[in-house]
PDB file of N, CA and C in Angstrom:
ATOM      1  N   MET A   1      62.016  -5.855 164.063  1.00  0.00           N
ATOM      2  CA  MET A   1      62.653  -6.310 165.049  1.00  0.00           C
ATOM      3  C   MET A   1      63.847  -7.088 164.660  1.00  0.00           C
ATOM      4  N   HIS A   2      65.236  -6.820 165.122  1.00  0.00           N
ATOM      5  CA  HIS A   2      66.753  -7.647 164.923  1.00  0.00           C
ATOM      6  C   HIS A   2      66.929  -7.625 166.187  1.00  0.00           C
ATOM      7  N   GLY A   3      67.485  -9.040 166.775  1.00  0.00           N
ATOM      8  CA  GLY A   3      68.271  -9.286 167.475  1.00  0.00           C
ATOM      9  C   GLY A   3      67.320 -10.223 167.963  1.00  0.00           C
ATOM     10  N   LEU A   4      66.177 -11.321 167.232  1.00  0.00           N
ATOM     11  CA  LEU A   4      66.213 -12.722 168.057  1.00  0.00           C
ATOM     12  C   LEU A   4      66.553 -13.559 168.031  1.00  0.00           C
ATOM     13  N   PRO A   5      66.222 -14.497 168.378  1.00  0.00           N
ATOM     14  CA  PRO A   5      67.409 -15.798 168.412  1.00  0.00           C
ATOM     15  C   PRO A   5      67.419 -16.327 166.978  1.00  0.00           C
ATOM     16  N   GLN A   6      65.876 -16.972 166.246  1.00  0.00           N
ATOM     17  CA  GLN A   6      65.376 -17.126 165.484  1.00  0.00           C
ATOM     18  C   GLN A   6      65.254 -15.794 163.819  1.00  0.00           C
ATOM     19  N   GLY A   7      66.238 -15.034 164.073  1.00  0.00           N
ATOM     20  CA  GLY A   7      66.423 -14.174 162.838  1.00  0.00           C
ATOM     21  C   GLY A   7      65.675 -12.519 162.803  1.00  0.00           C
ATOM     22  N   ASP A   8      65.727 -12.294 162.210  1.00  0.00           N
ATOM     23  CA  ASP A   8      64.761 -11.382 161.652  1.00  0.00           C
ATOM     24  C   ASP A   8      62.828 -11.146 162.085  1.00  0.00           C
ATOM     25  N   LEU A   9      62.348  -9.842 162.441  1.00  0.00           N
ATOM     26  CA  LEU A   9      60.692 -10.325 162.629  1.00  0.00           C
ATOM     27  C   LEU A   9      60.101  -8.872 162.193  1.00  0.00           C
ATOM     28  N   PRO A  10      59.461  -9.352 161.235  1.00  0.00           N
ATOM     29  CA  PRO A  10      58.622  -8.243 160.762  1.00  0.00           C
ATOM     30  C   PRO A  10      57.579  -8.082 161.670  1.00  0.00           C
ATOM     31  N   PHE A  11      57.103  -6.606 161.699  1.00  0.00           N
ATOM     32  CA  PHE A  11      56.025  -5.853 162.846  1.00  0.00           C
ATOM     33  C   PHE A  11      55.304  -5.110 162.401  1.00  0.00           C
ATOM     34  N   THR A  12      53.934  -5.348 162.117  1.00  0.00           N
ATOM     35  CA  THR A  12      53.075  -3.666 162.062  1.00  0.00           C
ATOM     36  C   THR A  12      52.856  -2.772 163.289  1.00  0.00           C
ATOM     37  N   ILE A  13      53.602  -1.722 164.094  1.00  0.00           N
ATOM     38  CA  ILE A  13      52.867  -0.908 164.426  1.00  0.00           C
ATOM     39  C   ILE A  13      51.754   0.182 163.715  1.00  0.00           C
ATOM     40  N   ILE A  14      51.027   0.388 164.937  1.00  0.00           N
ATOM     41  CA  ILE A  14      49.757   1.594 165.015  1.00  0.00           C
ATOM     42  C   ILE A  14      49.541   1.770 165.904  1.00  0.00           C
ATOM     43  N   PHE A  15      50.388   3.798 165.811  1.00  0.00           N
ATOM     44  CA  PHE A  15      49.975   4.688 166.735  1.00  0.00           C
ATOM     45  C   PHE A  15      48.841   5.425 167.148  1.00  0.00           C
ATOM     46  N   GLU A  16      48.532   5.857 168.256  1.00  0.00           N
ATOM     47  CA  GLU A  16      47.527   6.975 168.668  1.00  0.00           C
ATOM     48  C   GLU A  16      48.240   7.993 169.709  1.00  0.00           C
ATOM     49  N   GLN A  17      48.554   9.512 168.869  1.00  0.00           N
ATOM     50  CA  GLN A  17      48.921  10.121 170.229  1.00  0.00           C
ATOM     51  C   GLN A  17      47.523  11.146 170.630  1.00  0.00           C
ATOM     52  N   GLU A  18      47.717  11.291 171.850  1.00  0.00           N
ATOM     53  CA  GLU A  18      46.717  11.967 172.719  1.00  0.00           C
ATOM     54  C   GLU A  18      47.584  12.780 173.368  1.00  0.00           C
ATOM     55  N   ARG A  19      48.327  14.171 173.045  1.00  0.00           N
ATOM     56  CA  ARG A  19      49.481  14.926 173.737  1.00  0.00           C
ATOM     57  C   ARG A  19      50.740  14.042 174.090  1.00  0.00           C
ATOM     58  N   GLU A  20      51.152  13.780 175.010  1.00  0.00           N
ATOM     59  CA  GLU A  20      52.295  13.224 175.380  1.00  0.00           C
ATOM     60  C   GLU A  20      51.720  11.696 175.625  1.00  0.00           C
ATOM     61  N   LYS A  21      50.841  11.097 175.471  1.00  0.00           N
ATOM     62  CA  LYS A  21      50.881   9.807 175.632  1.00  0.00           C
ATOM     63  C   LYS A  21      50.226   9.089 174.365  1.00  0.00           C
ATOM     64  N   ILE A  22      51.003   8.050 174.074  1.00  0.00           N
ATOM     65  CA  ILE A  22      51.032   7.240 173.163  1.00  0.00           C
ATOM     66  C   ILE A  22      50.521   5.968 173.614  1.00  0.00           C
ATOM     67  N   SER A  23      49.540   5.833 172.716  1.00  0.00           N
ATOM     68  CA  SER A  23      48.316   4.249 172.925  1.00  0.00           C
ATOM     69  C   SER A  23      48.749   3.399 171.308  1.00  0.00           C
ATOM     70  N   GLY A  24      48.644   2.336 171.728  1.00  0.00           N
ATOM     71  CA  GLY A  24      48.266   1.317 170.225  1.00  0.00           C
ATOM     72  C   GLY A  24      48.691  -0.108 169.929  1.00  0.00           C
ATOM     73  N   VAL A  25      48.727  -0.714 168.907  1.00  0.00           N
ATOM     74  CA  VAL A  25      48.887  -2.193 169.194  1.00  0.00           C
ATOM     75  C   VAL A  25      50.447  -2.521 167.910  1.00  0.00           C
ATOM     76  N   LEU A  26      50.945  -3.219 168.389  1.00  0.00           N
ATOM     77  CA  LEU A  26      52.152  -3.718 167.874  1.00  0.00           C
ATOM     78  C   LEU A  26      51.701  -5.196 167.689  1.00  0.00           C
ATOM     79  N   SER A  27      51.671  -5.513 166.282  1.00  0.00           N
ATOM     80  CA  SER A  27      51.162  -7.393 165.634  1.00  0.00           C
ATOM     81  C   SER A  27      52.596  -8.174 165.185  1.00  0.00           C
ATOM     82  N   PHE A  28      52.195  -8.913 165.068  1.00  0.00           N
ATOM     83  CA  PHE A  28      53.655 -10.451 164.278  1.00  0.00           C
ATOM     84  C   PHE A  28      52.800 -10.461 163.920  1.00  0.00           C
ATOM     85  N   PHE A  29      52.921 -11.759 162.309  1.00  0.00           N
ATOM     86  CA  PHE A  29      52.385 -13.179 162.009  1.00  0.00           C
ATOM     87  C   PHE A  29      51.798 -13.829 162.907  1.00  0.00           C
ATOM     88  N   PHE A  30      52.234 -13.566 163.493  1.00  0.00           N
ATOM     89  CA  PHE A  30      51.223 -15.025 165.048  1.00  0.00           C
ATOM     90  C   PHE A  30      50.805 -14.058 166.151  1.00  0.00           C
ATOM     91  N   GLY A  31      50.656 -13.118 166.145  1.00  0.00           N
ATOM     92  CA  GLY A  31      50.095 -12.560 167.266  1.00  0.00           C
ATOM     93  C   GLY A  31      50.225 -11.006 167.137  1.00  0.00           C
ATOM     94  N   GLY A  32      49.674 -10.355 168.496  1.00  0.00           N
ATOM     95  CA  GLY A  32      50.063  -9.460 169.086  1.00  0.00           C
ATOM     96  C   GLY A  32      49.908  -8.835 170.415  1.00  0.00           C
ATOM     97  N   ALA A  33      50.153  -7.435 170.608  1.00  0.00           N
ATOM     98  CA  ALA A  33      49.703  -6.845 172.131  1.00  0.00           C
ATOM     99  C   ALA A  33      49.649  -5.469 171.865  1.00  0.00           C
ATOM    100  N   ALA A  34      48.910  -4.630 172.988  1.00  0.00           N
ATOM    101  CA  ALA A  34      48.502  -3.456 172.555  1.00  0.00           C
ATOM    102  C   ALA A  34      49.359  -2.791 173.755  1.00  0.00           C
ATOM    103  N   PHE A  35      49.579  -1.465 173.548  1.00  0.00           N
ATOM    104  CA  PHE A  35      50.843  -1.038 174.640  1.00  0.00           C
ATOM    105  C   PHE A  35      49.495   0.734 175.367  1.00  0.00           C
ATOM    106  N   ARG A  36      49.866   0.555 176.413  1.00  0.00           N
ATOM    107  CA  ARG A  36      49.378   1.682 176.934  1.00  0.00           C
ATOM    108  C   ARG A  36      50.514   2.932 177.802  1.00  0.00           C
ATOM    109  N   SER A  37      51.317   2.296 178.421  1.00  0.00           N
ATOM    110  CA  SER A  37      51.532   3.101 179.496  1.00  0.00           C
ATOM    111  C   SER A  37      53.062   3.620 178.565  1.00  0.00           C
ATOM    112  N   SER A  38      52.703   3.734 177.710  1.00  0.00           N
ATOM    113  CA  SER A  38      53.581   4.664 176.760  1.00  0.00           C
ATOM    114  C   SER A  38      53.741   6.377 175.879  1.00  0.00           C
ATOM    115  N   THR A  39      54.981   6.919 176.544  1.00  0.00           N
ATOM    116  CA  THR A  39      55.051   8.003 176.486  1.00  0.00           C
ATOM    117  C   THR A  39      56.037   8.642 175.232  1.00  0.00           C
ATOM    118  N   ILE A  40      55.763   9.784 175.068  1.00  0.00           N
ATOM    119  CA  ILE A  40      57.130  10.752 174.497  1.00  0.00           C
ATOM    120  C   ILE A  40      57.870  11.289 175.701  1.00  0.00           C
ATOM    121  N   VAL A  41      59.314  10.543 175.730  1.00  0.00           N
ATOM    122  CA  VAL A  41      60.301  10.628 176.933  1.00  0.00           C
ATOM    123  C   VAL A  41      60.683  12.124 176.898  1.00  0.00           C
ATOM    124  N   ARG A  42      61.068  12.681 175.656  1.00  0.00           N
ATOM    125  CA  ARG A  42      61.405  14.369 175.522  1.00  0.00           C
ATOM    126  C   ARG A  42      61.536  14.308 173.982  1.00  0.00           C
ATOM    127  N   ASP A  43      61.883  15.454 173.635  1.00  0.00           N
ATOM    128  CA  ASP A  43      61.905  15.816 172.245  1.00  0.00           C
ATOM    129  C   ASP A  43      62.009  14.447 171.591  1.00  0.00           C
ATOM    130  N   GLN A  44      61.091  14.091 170.078  1.00  0.00           N
ATOM    131  CA  GLN A  44      61.379  12.749 169.405  1.00  0.00           C
ATOM    132  C   GLN A  44      61.928  12.094 169.707  1.00  0.00           C
ATOM    133  N   VAL A  45      61.677  11.283 170.831  1.00  0.00           N
ATOM    134  CA  VAL A  45      61.751  10.212 172.282  1.00  0.00           C
ATOM    135  C   VAL A  45      61.218   9.600 172.196  1.00  0.00           C
ATOM    136  N   LEU A  46      60.810   7.990 172.103  1.00  0.00           N
ATOM    137  CA  LEU A  46      59.512   7.703 172.430  1.00  0.00           C
ATOM    138  C   LEU A  46      59.923   6.135 173.154  1.00  0.00           C
ATOM    139  N   GLY A  47      58.874   5.990 174.734  1.00  0.00           N
ATOM    140  CA  GLY A  47      59.157   4.920 174.375  1.00  0.00           C
ATOM    141  C   GLY A  47      57.709   3.595 174.869  1.00  0.00           C
ATOM    142  N   LEU A  48      57.856   2.325 174.423  1.00  0.00           N
ATOM    143  CA  LEU A  48      56.707   1.800 174.520  1.00  0.00           C
ATOM    144  C   LEU A  48      56.909   0.749 175.627  1.00  0.00           C
ATOM    145  N   HIS A  49      56.022   1.044 176.395  1.00  0.00           N
ATOM    146  CA  HIS A  49      55.815  -0.712 177.254  1.00  0.00           C
ATOM    147  C   HIS A  49      54.852  -1.870 176.815  1.00  0.00           C
ATOM    148  N   LEU A  50      55.623  -3.099 177.045  1.00  0.00           N
ATOM    149  CA  LEU A  50      54.278  -3.830 176.269  1.00  0.00           C
ATOM    150  C   LEU A  50      54.352  -5.306 176.908  1.00  0.00           C
ATOM    151  N   ASN A  51      53.440  -5.757 177.433  1.00  0.00           N
ATOM    152  CA  ASN A  51      53.616  -6.992 178.762  1.00  0.00           C
ATOM    153  C   ASN A  51      53.071  -7.693 177.753  1.00  0.00           C
ATOM    154  N   THR A  52      53.355  -9.078 177.752  1.00  0.00           N
ATOM    155  CA  THR A  52      52.679 -10.393 176.886  1.00  0.00           C
ATOM    156  C   THR A  52      52.837 -10.887 177.764  1.00  0.00           C
ATOM    157  N   PRO A  53      52.775 -12.467 177.243  1.00  0.00           N
ATOM    158  CA  PRO A  53      52.525 -14.137 177.581  1.00  0.00           C
ATOM    159  C   PRO A  53      54.464 -14.078 177.773  1.00  0.00           C
ATOM    160  N   LEU A  54      54.989 -13.391 176.873  1.00  0.00           N
ATOM    161  CA  LEU A  54      56.121 -14.603 175.867  1.00  0.00           C
ATOM    162  C   LEU A  54      56.754 -13.690 177.284  1.00  0.00           C
ATOM    163  N   ALA A  55      56.977 -12.374 177.486  1.00  0.00           N
ATOM    164  CA  ALA A  55      57.410 -11.628 178.151  1.00  0.00           C
ATOM    165  C   ALA A  55      57.004 -10.281 177.948  1.00  0.00           C
ATOM    166  N   ASN A  56      57.576  -9.246 179.261  1.00  0.00           N
ATOM    167  CA  ASN A  56      57.038  -7.825 178.772  1.00  0.00           C
ATOM    168  C   ASN A  56      58.814  -7.341 177.861  1.00  0.00           C
ATOM    169  N   PHE A  57      58.152  -6.392 176.956  1.00  0.00           N
ATOM    170  CA  PHE A  57      59.018  -5.390 176.410  1.00  0.00           C
ATOM    171  C   PHE A  57      59.369  -4.260 176.756  1.00  0.00           C
ATOM    172  N   THR A  58      60.110  -3.427 176.408  1.00  0.00           N
ATOM    173  CA  THR A  58      59.884  -2.559 176.420  1.00  0.00           C
ATOM    174  C   THR A  58      61.673  -1.683 174.949  1.00  0.00           C
ATOM    175  N   LEU A  59      60.477  -0.913 174.180  1.00  0.00           N
ATOM    176  CA  LEU A  59      61.365  -0.357 173.102  1.00  0.00           C
ATOM    177  C   LEU A  59      61.480   0.901 173.048  1.00  0.00           C
ATOM    178  N   ASN A  60      62.055   1.700 172.738  1.00  0.00           N
ATOM    179  CA  ASN A  60      62.626   2.970 172.618  1.00  0.00           C
ATOM    180  C   ASN A  60      62.959   3.554 171.737  1.00  0.00           C
ATOM    181  N   GLY A  61      62.896   4.641 171.430  1.00  0.00           N
ATOM    182  CA  GLY A  61      62.931   4.725 169.611  1.00  0.00           C
ATOM    183  C   GLY A  61      63.078   6.301 168.927  1.00  0.00           C
ATOM    184  N   ASN A  62      63.958   6.978 168.086  1.00  0.00           N
ATOM    185  CA  ASN A  62      63.825   8.391 167.868  1.00  0.00           C
ATOM    186  C   ASN A  62      63.398   8.279 167.111  1.00  0.00           C
ATOM    187  N   TYR A  63      62.606   9.441 166.555  1.00  0.00           N
ATOM    188  CA  TYR A  63      61.645  10.164 165.527  1.00  0.00           C
ATOM    189  C   TYR A  63      62.593  10.989 164.141  1.00  0.00           C
ATOM    190  N   ASN A  64      62.642  10.724 163.954  1.00  0.00           N
ATOM    191  CA  ASN A  64      63.996  10.910 162.505  1.00  0.00           C
ATOM    192  C   ASN A  64      62.582  10.953 160.489  1.00  0.00           C
ATOM    193  N   SER A  65      62.436  12.256 160.544  1.00  0.00           N
ATOM    194  CA  SER A  65      61.888  11.924 159.076  1.00  0.00           C
ATOM    195  C   SER A  65      61.169  11.681 158.440  1.00  0.00           C
ATOM    196  N   GLY A  66      60.114  10.566 159.160  1.00  0.00           N
ATOM    197  CA  GLY A  66      59.106   9.973 158.746  1.00  0.00           C
ATOM    198  C   GLY A  66      59.717   8.357 159.193  1.00  0.00           C
ATOM    199  N   ARG A  67      60.850   8.281 159.932  1.00  0.00           N
ATOM    200  CA  ARG A  67      61.055   6.829 161.019  1.00  0.00           C
ATOM    201  C   ARG A  67      61.236   6.924 162.404  1.00  0.00           C
ATOM    202  N   ILE A  68      61.123   5.673 162.959  1.00  0.00           N
ATOM    203  CA  ILE A  68      61.335   5.521 163.909  1.00  0.00           C
ATOM    204  C   ILE A  68      61.968   4.717 164.432  1.00  0.00           C
ATOM    205  N   SER A  69      63.511   4.494 164.719  1.00  0.00           N
ATOM    206  CA  SER A  69      64.306   3.279 165.161  1.00  0.00           C
ATOM    207  C   SER A  69      64.966   3.761 165.837  1.00  0.00           C
ATOM    208  N   GLY A  70      65.326   2.238 167.103  1.00  0.00           N
ATOM    209  CA  GLY A  70      65.810   2.192 168.730  1.00  0.00           C
ATOM    210  C   GLY A  70      66.416   0.932 168.918  1.00  0.00           C
ATOM    211  N   ASP A  71      66.258   1.126 170.128  1.00  0.00           N
ATOM    212  CA  ASP A  71      66.869  -0.704 171.015  1.00  0.00           C
ATOM    213  C   ASP A  71      65.030  -1.156 171.093  1.00  0.00           C
ATOM    214  N   TRP A  72      65.504  -2.196 171.515  1.00  0.00           N
ATOM    215  CA  TRP A  72      64.293  -3.008 172.624  1.00  0.00           C
ATOM    216  C   TRP A  72      64.709  -4.340 173.635  1.00  0.00           C
ATOM    217  N   SER A  73      64.275  -4.487 174.779  1.00  0.00           N
ATOM    218  CA  SER A  73      64.659  -5.104 175.615  1.00  0.00           C
ATOM    219  C   SER A  73      63.631  -5.795 176.282  1.00  0.00           C
ATOM    220  N   ALA A  74      63.879  -7.139 176.652  1.00  0.00           N
ATOM    221  CA  ALA A  74      62.700  -7.602 177.356  1.00  0.00           C
ATOM    222  C   ALA A  74      63.415  -8.318 178.644  1.00  0.00           C
ATOM    223  N   ASP A  75      62.047  -8.474 179.518  1.00  0.00           N
ATOM    224  CA  ASP A  75      62.348  -9.207 180.417  1.00  0.00           C
ATOM    225  C   ASP A  75      63.235 -10.332 181.019  1.00  0.00           C
ATOM    226  N   ASP A  76      63.473 -10.941 179.827  1.00  0.00           N
ATOM    227  CA  ASP A  76      64.218 -12.429 180.229  1.00  0.00           C
ATOM    228  C   ASP A  76      65.891 -11.907 179.649  1.00  0.00           C
ATOM    229  N   GLY A  77      66.135 -10.315 179.515  1.00  0.00           N
ATOM    230  CA  GLY A  77      67.612 -10.135 178.574  1.00  0.00           C
ATOM    231  C   GLY A  77      67.436 -10.435 177.442  1.00  0.00           C
ATOM    232  N   SER A  78      66.308 -10.841 176.499  1.00  0.00           N
ATOM    233  CA  SER A  78      67.021 -10.538 175.150  1.00  0.00           C
ATOM    234  C   SER A  78      67.024  -9.323 174.788  1.00  0.00           C
ATOM    235  N   LYS A  79      67.379  -9.076 173.971  1.00  0.00           N
ATOM    236  CA  LYS A  79      67.560  -7.038 173.396  1.00  0.00           C
ATOM    237  C   LYS A  79      67.978  -7.282 172.086  1.00  0.00           C
ATOM    238  N   GLY A  80      67.796  -6.167 171.691  1.00  0.00           N
ATOM    239  CA  GLY A  80      68.104  -5.988 169.933  1.00  0.00           C
ATOM    240  C   GLY A  80      68.060  -4.662 169.204  1.00  0.00           C
ATOM    241  N   THR A  81      67.961  -4.234 167.985  1.00  0.00           N
ATOM    242  CA  THR A  81      67.510  -3.154 167.643  1.00  0.00           C
ATOM    243  C   THR A  81      65.957  -3.176 166.948  1.00  0.00           C
ATOM    244  N   TRP A  82      65.385  -2.159 166.525  1.00  0.00           N
ATOM    245  CA  TRP A  82      63.946  -1.947 165.744  1.00  0.00           C
ATOM    246  C   TRP A  82      63.970  -0.810 164.812  1.00  0.00           C
ATOM    247  N   GLU A  83      63.591  -0.941 163.559  1.00  0.00           N
ATOM    248  CA  GLU A  83      63.123   0.372 163.017  1.00  0.00           C
ATOM    249  C   GLU A  83      61.617   0.325 162.244  1.00  0.00           C
ATOM    250  N   SER A  84      60.869   1.347 161.768  1.00  0.00           N
ATOM    251  CA  SER A  84      59.898   1.498 161.198  1.00  0.00           C
ATOM    252  C   SER A  84      59.893   2.595 160.387  1.00  0.00           C
ATOM    253  N   LYS A  85      59.017   2.352 159.343  1.00  0.00           N
ATOM    254  CA  LYS A  85      58.917   3.751 158.269  1.00  0.00           C
ATOM    255  C   LYS A  85      57.066   3.812 158.594  1.00  0.00           C
ATOM    256  N   LYS A  86      57.351   5.684 158.453  1.00  0.00           N
ATOM    257  CA  LYS A  86      56.014   5.935 158.385  1.00  0.00           C
ATOM    258  C   LYS A  86      54.963   5.757 157.180  1.00  0.00           C
ATOM    259  N   ILE A  87      53.817   4.752 157.127  1.00  0.00           N
ATOM    260  CA  ILE A  87      52.923   4.795 156.528  1.00  0.00           C
ATOM    261  C   ILE A  87      51.566   5.474 156.997  1.00  0.00           C
ATOM    262  N   VAL A  88      51.304   6.078 155.880  1.00  0.00           N
ATOM    263  CA  VAL A  88      49.416   6.629 156.260  1.00  0.00           C
ATOM    264  C   VAL A  88      48.880   6.249 155.652  1.00  0.00           C
ATOM    265  N   GLN A  89      48.030   5.928 155.751  1.00  0.00           N
ATOM    266  CA  GLN A  89      46.773   5.517 155.131  1.00  0.00           C
ATOM    267  C   GLN A  89      45.590   5.871 155.789  1.00  0.00           C
ATOM    268  N   THR A  90      45.046   6.784 154.656  1.00  0.00           N
ATOM    269  CA  THR A  90      43.303   7.320 155.109  1.00  0.00           C
ATOM    270  C   THR A  90      41.822   6.388 154.936  1.00  0.00           C
ATOM    271  N   ALA A  91      41.324   6.671 155.723  1.00  0.00           N
ATOM    272  CA  ALA A  91      39.816   6.149 155.083  1.00  0.00           C
ATOM    273  C   ALA A  91      38.943   7.106 154.712  1.00  0.00           C
ATOM    274  N   SER A  92      38.236   6.947 154.037  1.00  0.00           N
ATOM    275  CA  SER A  92      37.050   7.357 153.787  1.00  0.00           C
ATOM    276  C   SER A  92      35.286   6.900 154.171  1.00  0.00           C
ATOM    277  N   ILE A  93      34.789   7.371 154.425  1.00  0.00           N
ATOM    278  CA  ILE A  93      33.417   6.947 154.836  1.00  0.00           C
ATOM    279  C   ILE A  93      32.250   7.857 153.991  1.00  0.00           C
ATOM    280  N   GLN A  94      31.632   6.562 153.476  1.00  0.00           N
ATOM    281  CA  GLN A  94      30.675   7.435 152.255  1.00  0.00           C
ATOM    282  C   GLN A  94      29.258   6.722 152.202  1.00  0.00           C
TER     283      GLN A  94
END
């Protein structure tokens, strides 16, 4: 995440998709938040909504070649940009 007063903030985001609904978790080194009221707004465009004790966030992003990037804003007036890249991890149970 870019544009925060304290500088860039790395995060991990885990997505789960069921048709047009997106859910998942956004985590930082100090904690995280689940998002549930998120959707694919239109072809390849994502809208995430997170309610946290610090602020309520909206992240909009475009998917392109295994990457999602876009802008974010918070109800306290903060805003900036964000970017992520797709990392697929598989697990096996034996």
